[in-house]
Amino acid sequence: MAALEANLNAARRDIFELTSELRQQAHKFEAEDRRIERTLLSALAEETRTQSGYAVIELRTAVLGLSLSALGVVIQLPQSLGM
């Protein structure tokens, strides 16, 4: 009977140790998951800023082109009217 109790206690101890290890691993995985999520969100935000920057550059280029076209029309307008 004593040997059975000793084996049972050893099994309980092993189960407790394994459970503790599994909990620690789960916490590590959760922490790593949060870190990866933060990294991905940061990368997404950076990509959004980069794309926005490119869009602003393209918009400024388009506005400059339209402004030059409008200036050309203003310069040619007196000639067209015979002035």
C-alpha atoms as a PDB file:
ATOM      1  CA  MET A   1       0.000   0.000   0.000  1.00  0.00           C
ATOM      2  CA  ALA A   2       2.857   2.395   0.818  1.00  0.00           C
ATOM      3  CA  ALA A   3       4.453   1.735  -2.566  1.00  0.00           C
ATOM      4  CA  LEU A   4       1.152   2.506  -4.292  1.00  0.00           C
ATOM      5  CA  GLU A   5       0.836   5.789  -2.378  1.00  0.00           C
ATOM      6  CA  ALA A   6       4.447   6.677  -3.227  1.00  0.00           C
ATOM      7  CA  ASN A   7       3.798   5.997  -6.920  1.00  0.00           C
ATOM      8  CA  LEU A   8       0.574   8.016  -6.776  1.00  0.00           C
ATOM      9  CA  ASN A   9       2.365  10.933  -5.111  1.00  0.00           C
ATOM     10  CA  ALA A  10       5.164  10.761  -7.693  1.00  0.00           C
ATOM     11  CA  ALA A  11       2.578  10.783 -10.484  1.00  0.00           C
ATOM     12  CA  ARG A  12       0.808  13.780  -8.913  1.00  0.00           C
ATOM     13  CA  ARG A  13       4.146  15.601  -8.626  1.00  0.00           C
ATOM     14  CA  ASP A  14       4.952  14.859 -12.276  1.00  0.00           C
ATOM     15  CA  ILE A  15       1.515  16.031 -13.385  1.00  0.00           C
ATOM     16  CA  PHE A  16       1.886  19.229 -11.346  1.00  0.00           C
ATOM     17  CA  GLU A  17       5.332  19.912 -12.838  1.00  0.00           C
ATOM     18  CA  LEU A  18       4.096  19.271 -16.372  1.00  0.00           C
ATOM     19  CA  THR A  19       1.082  21.496 -15.804  1.00  0.00           C
ATOM     20  CA  SER A  20       3.326  24.260 -14.503  1.00  0.00           C
ATOM     21  CA  GLU A  21       5.617  23.933 -17.506  1.00  0.00           C
ATOM     22  CA  LEU A  22       2.660  24.017 -19.887  1.00  0.00           C
ATOM     23  CA  ARG A  23       1.314  27.157 -18.201  1.00  0.00           C
ATOM     24  CA  GLN A  24       4.718  28.840 -18.493  1.00  0.00           C
ATOM     25  CA  GLN A  25       4.938  27.903 -22.165  1.00  0.00           C
ATOM     26  CA  ALA A  26       1.406  29.213 -22.741  1.00  0.00           C
ATOM     27  CA  HIS A  27       2.377  32.547 -21.138  1.00  0.00           C
ATOM     28  CA  LYS A  28       5.485  32.717 -23.317  1.00  0.00           C
ATOM     29  CA  PHE A  29       3.441  31.985 -26.431  1.00  0.00           C
ATOM     30  CA  GLU A  30       0.879  34.634 -25.490  1.00  0.00           C
ATOM     31  CA  ALA A  31       3.634  37.200 -24.889  1.00  0.00           C
ATOM     32  CA  GLU A  32       5.258  36.328 -28.218  1.00  0.00           C
ATOM     33  CA  ASP A  33       1.884  36.540 -29.962  1.00  0.00           C
ATOM     34  CA  ARG A  34       1.335  40.025 -28.526  1.00  0.00           C
ATOM     35  CA  ARG A  35       4.842  41.082 -29.566  1.00  0.00           C
ATOM     36  CA  ILE A  36       4.300  39.817 -33.112  1.00  0.00           C
ATOM     37  CA  GLU A  37       0.934  41.552 -33.290  1.00  0.00           C
ATOM     38  CA  ARG A  38       2.499  44.855 -32.159  1.00  0.00           C
ATOM     39  CA  THR A  39       5.282  44.435 -34.713  1.00  0.00           C
ATOM     40  CA  LEU A  40       2.813  43.755 -37.509  1.00  0.00           C
ATOM     41  CA  LEU A  41       0.637  46.704 -36.517  1.00  0.00           C
ATOM     42  CA  SER A  42       3.699  48.939 -36.424  1.00  0.00           C
ATOM     43  CA  ALA A  43       4.773  47.710 -39.864  1.00  0.00           C
ATOM     44  CA  LEU A  44       1.263  48.271 -41.202  1.00  0.00           C
ATOM     45  CA  ALA A  45       1.214  51.803 -39.797  1.00  0.00           C
ATOM     46  CA  GLU A  46       4.621  52.515 -41.359  1.00  0.00           C
ATOM     47  CA  GLU A  47       3.450  51.149 -44.721  1.00  0.00           C
ATOM     48  CA  THR A  48       0.333  53.314 -44.504  1.00  0.00           C
ATOM     49  CA  ARG A  49       2.479  56.391 -43.793  1.00  0.00           C
ATOM     50  CA  THR A  50       4.776  55.501 -46.693  1.00  0.00           C
ATOM     51  CA  GLN A  51       1.861  55.020 -49.076  1.00  0.00           C
ATOM     52  CA  SER A  52       0.327  58.278 -47.874  1.00  0.00           C
ATOM     53  CA  GLY A  53       3.655  59.999 -48.501  1.00  0.00           C
ATOM     54  CA  TYR A  54       3.746  58.665 -52.054  1.00  0.00           C
ATOM     55  CA  ALA A  55       0.165  59.782 -52.607  1.00  0.00           C
ATOM     56  CA  VAL A  56       1.018  63.296 -51.392  1.00  0.00           C
ATOM     57  CA  ILE A  57       4.019  63.446 -53.761  1.00  0.00           C
ATOM     58  CA  GLU A  58       1.854  62.305 -56.680  1.00  0.00           C
ATOM     59  CA  LEU A  59      -0.857  64.811 -55.750  1.00  0.00           C
ATOM     60  CA  ARG A  60       1.670  67.650 -55.521  1.00  0.00           C
ATOM     61  CA  THR A  61       3.068  66.674 -58.917  1.00  0.00           C
ATOM     62  CA  ALA A  62      -0.431  66.668 -60.406  1.00  0.00           C
ATOM     63  CA  VAL A  63      -1.230  70.060 -58.864  1.00  0.00           C
ATOM     64  CA  LEU A  64       2.050  71.465 -60.205  1.00  0.00           C
ATOM     65  CA  GLY A  65       1.203  70.141 -63.676  1.00  0.00           C
ATOM     66  CA  LEU A  66      -2.268  71.675 -63.548  1.00  0.00           C
ATOM     67  CA  SER A  67      -0.835  74.966 -62.310  1.00  0.00           C
ATOM     68  CA  LEU A  68       1.651  75.079 -65.184  1.00  0.00           C
ATOM     69  CA  SER A  69      -1.140  74.276 -67.634  1.00  0.00           C
ATOM     70  CA  ALA A  70      -3.277  77.070 -66.192  1.00  0.00           C
ATOM     71  CA  LEU A  71      -0.321  79.465 -66.416  1.00  0.00           C
ATOM     72  CA  GLY A  72       0.141  78.499 -70.055  1.00  0.00           C
ATOM     73  CA  VAL A  73      -3.521  79.234 -70.751  1.00  0.00           C
ATOM     74  CA  VAL A  74      -3.261  82.634 -69.033  1.00  0.00           C
ATOM     75  CA  ILE A  75      -0.160  83.485 -71.093  1.00  0.00           C
ATOM     76  CA  GLN A  76      -1.806  82.432 -74.360  1.00  0.00           C
ATOM     77  CA  LEU A  77      -5.175  84.039 -73.606  1.00  0.00           C
ATOM     78  CA  PRO A  78      -4.186  87.590 -74.665  1.00  0.00           C
ATOM     79  CA  GLN A  79      -2.719  86.214 -77.909  1.00  0.00           C
ATOM     80  CA  SER A  80      -5.915  84.308 -78.580  1.00  0.00           C
ATOM     81  CA  LEU A  81      -7.972  87.429 -78.034  1.00  0.00           C
ATOM     82  CA  GLY A  82      -5.696  89.409 -80.362  1.00  0.00           C
ATOM     83  CA  MET A  83      -4.269  91.680 -77.713  1.00  0.00           C
END
